[in-house]
Amino acid sequence: MAKPAHRSYSRYAREAAELLGLMIHNARIERNSTVADVAERAGISRGLVHRVE
């Protein structure tokens, strides 16, 4: 299977993604939720939650 092409994102997009991840992480901690809890509620894998955070 071919490896996907590397994407280049603008500085603003990278900063926005980083801020979103931080906000998700902080909200999860405030609610005493685990990564598994968030993943189950969102219908995604725990690994994806980790990557987003």
Protein backbone atom coordinates (compact mmCIF):
# COMPACT_ATOMS: atom_id res chain seq x y z
CA MET A 1 0.00 0.00 0.00
CA ALA A 2 1.33 3.44 -0.90
CA LYS A 3 2.31 5.81 1.87
CA PRO A 4 0.13 8.95 1.99
CA ALA A 5 1.79 12.15 0.84
CA HIS A 6 3.11 14.46 3.57
CA ARG A 7 0.92 17.52 3.94
CA SER A 8 2.20 20.95 4.74
CA TYR A 9 0.00 23.16 6.90
CA SER A 10 0.26 26.88 7.51
CA ARG A 11 1.59 28.15 10.81
CA TYR A 12 -1.92 29.37 11.68
CA ALA A 13 -3.47 25.96 11.03
CA ARG A 14 -0.82 24.24 13.16
CA GLU A 15 -1.33 26.74 16.00
CA ALA A 16 -5.12 26.35 15.82
CA ALA A 17 -4.83 22.56 15.95
CA GLU A 18 -2.45 22.77 18.90
CA LEU A 19 -4.79 25.14 20.76
CA LEU A 20 -7.79 22.90 20.08
CA GLY A 21 -5.91 19.89 21.41
CA LEU A 22 -4.95 21.79 24.55
CA MET A 23 -8.54 22.90 25.09
CA ILE A 24 -9.81 19.33 24.70
CA HIS A 25 -7.14 18.07 27.10
CA ASN A 26 -7.96 20.73 29.72
CA ALA A 27 -11.70 20.08 29.46
CA ARG A 28 -11.09 16.34 29.87
CA ILE A 29 -8.96 16.89 32.98
CA GLU A 30 -11.51 19.32 34.51
CA ARG A 31 -14.21 16.69 34.07
CA ASN A 32 -12.01 13.92 35.51
CA SER A 33 -12.51 11.96 32.29
CA THR A 34 -10.08 9.46 30.87
CA VAL A 35 -8.90 9.31 27.29
CA ALA A 36 -10.99 6.15 26.97
CA ASP A 37 -14.10 8.02 28.17
CA VAL A 38 -13.62 10.77 25.59
CA ALA A 39 -12.89 8.27 22.82
CA GLU A 40 -16.02 6.26 23.58
CA ARG A 41 -18.25 9.35 23.68
CA ALA A 42 -16.78 10.69 20.43
CA GLY A 43 -16.85 7.31 18.69
CA ILE A 44 -13.12 7.40 17.92
CA SER A 45 -10.06 5.47 19.03
CA ARG A 46 -8.04 6.31 22.13
CA GLY A 47 -5.02 6.76 19.89
CA LEU A 48 -6.77 9.48 17.93
CA VAL A 49 -7.68 11.29 21.15
CA HIS A 50 -4.01 11.14 22.16
CA ARG A 51 -2.91 12.52 18.79
CA VAL A 52 -5.42 15.37 18.98
CA GLU A 53 -4.44 16.27 22.53
